Amino acid sequence: MIFVYNQRNTVVSVEGKLTTLKITSIGNSAGVLLPKEILTKLRVDKGDVLRVIETENGIELTPNDPEFDAQMAVAEEIMHENRDLLRRLSK
């Protein structure tokens, strides 16, 4: 099972259609070519980085860095909790 996520961490589906990707040779490696429709839904382009994460549900492809996202969530929580202090310090 493959889950493909966009930058907002939502699952990208191809509107009920099953998309089949063929594994092809790329130099000495193997790879798949992502159709433009999937690139658009992921909001990525050639040269962008996708991360591959193995989960109990299968493989996830995401342009996000889960570790960075977790760090940002903590930072946002701290900023929210201390917003009055941060407002005073910014003056």
Protein backbone atom coordinates (compact mmCIF):
# COMPACT_ATOMS: atom_id res chain seq x y z
CA MET A 1 0.00 0.00 0.00
CA ILE A 2 1.39 3.44 -0.90
CA PHE A 3 0.30 6.73 0.65
CA VAL A 4 1.39 9.92 -1.06
CA TYR A 5 1.21 13.11 1.01
CA ASN A 6 1.37 16.73 -0.06
CA GLN A 7 2.96 19.59 1.88
CA ARG A 8 -0.13 19.93 4.07
CA ASN A 9 0.18 16.29 5.17
CA THR A 10 -3.00 15.29 3.39
CA VAL A 11 -3.22 12.10 1.39
CA VAL A 12 -3.10 12.68 -2.35
CA SER A 13 -5.42 10.47 -4.33
CA VAL A 14 -6.00 10.50 -8.05
CA GLU A 15 -9.80 10.95 -7.77
CA GLY A 16 -10.70 7.31 -7.41
CA LYS A 17 -8.39 6.17 -10.21
CA LEU A 18 -5.69 3.63 -9.62
CA THR A 19 -2.38 4.99 -10.84
CA THR A 20 0.12 2.35 -11.89
CA LEU A 21 3.79 3.27 -11.87
CA LYS A 22 6.35 1.16 -13.70
CA ILE A 23 9.80 0.60 -12.22
CA THR A 24 12.37 1.62 -14.81
CA SER A 25 16.16 1.76 -15.09
CA ILE A 26 17.73 5.10 -14.33
CA GLY A 27 21.48 4.75 -14.83
CA ASN A 28 22.64 1.97 -12.50
CA SER A 29 19.55 2.44 -10.29
CA ALA A 30 15.85 1.73 -10.53
CA GLY A 31 13.12 4.31 -10.16
CA VAL A 32 9.59 5.34 -10.97
CA LEU A 33 8.44 8.34 -12.97
CA LEU A 34 5.72 10.34 -11.27
CA PRO A 35 3.07 11.71 -13.62
CA LYS A 36 2.65 15.49 -13.75
CA GLU A 37 -0.79 15.13 -12.11
CA ILE A 38 0.77 13.57 -9.00
CA LEU A 39 3.60 16.14 -8.93
CA THR A 40 0.99 18.89 -9.03
CA LYS A 41 -1.02 17.34 -6.19
CA LEU A 42 2.16 16.96 -4.12
CA ARG A 43 3.15 20.55 -4.99
CA VAL A 44 6.62 19.44 -6.01
CA ASP A 45 8.66 19.74 -9.18
CA LYS A 46 11.81 18.29 -10.72
CA GLY A 47 14.73 18.59 -8.33
CA ASP A 48 12.59 18.70 -5.16
CA VAL A 49 13.22 16.15 -2.41
CA LEU A 50 10.66 13.53 -1.37
CA ARG A 51 11.13 11.58 1.81
CA VAL A 52 10.25 7.87 1.96
CA ILE A 53 8.94 6.68 5.30
CA GLU A 54 8.16 3.05 6.10
CA THR A 55 5.10 2.74 8.36
CA GLU A 56 2.91 -0.11 9.52
CA ASN A 57 0.47 0.88 6.74
CA GLY A 58 3.07 0.76 3.98
CA ILE A 59 5.33 3.33 2.35
CA GLU A 60 4.69 7.08 2.55
CA LEU A 61 6.12 9.65 0.16
CA THR A 62 6.16 13.20 1.49
CA PRO A 63 7.94 16.45 0.62
CA ASN A 64 7.94 17.23 4.35
CA ASP A 65 10.59 16.39 6.90
CA PRO A 66 8.65 14.79 9.79
CA GLU A 67 11.39 15.67 12.29
CA PHE A 68 11.34 19.33 11.25
CA ASP A 69 7.52 19.35 11.36
CA ALA A 70 7.61 18.00 14.93
CA GLN A 71 10.15 20.66 15.96
CA MET A 72 8.01 23.40 14.41
CA ALA A 73 4.93 22.13 16.26
CA VAL A 74 6.83 22.43 19.57
CA ALA A 75 8.07 25.93 18.63
CA GLU A 76 4.55 27.05 17.72
CA GLU A 77 3.21 25.73 21.03
CA ILE A 78 5.91 27.60 22.96
CA MET A 79 5.24 30.81 21.02
CA HIS A 80 1.51 30.47 21.66
CA GLU A 81 1.99 29.88 25.39
CA ASN A 82 4.40 32.83 25.70
CA ARG A 83 2.80 35.21 23.17
CA ASP A 84 2.39 38.09 25.69
CA LEU A 85 6.04 37.89 26.73
CA LEU A 86 7.21 37.67 23.12
CA ARG A 87 5.03 40.67 22.20
CA ARG A 88 6.62 42.76 25.00
CA LEU A 89 10.14 41.66 23.97
CA SER A 90 9.55 42.65 20.36
CA LYS A 91 8.94 46.32 21.30
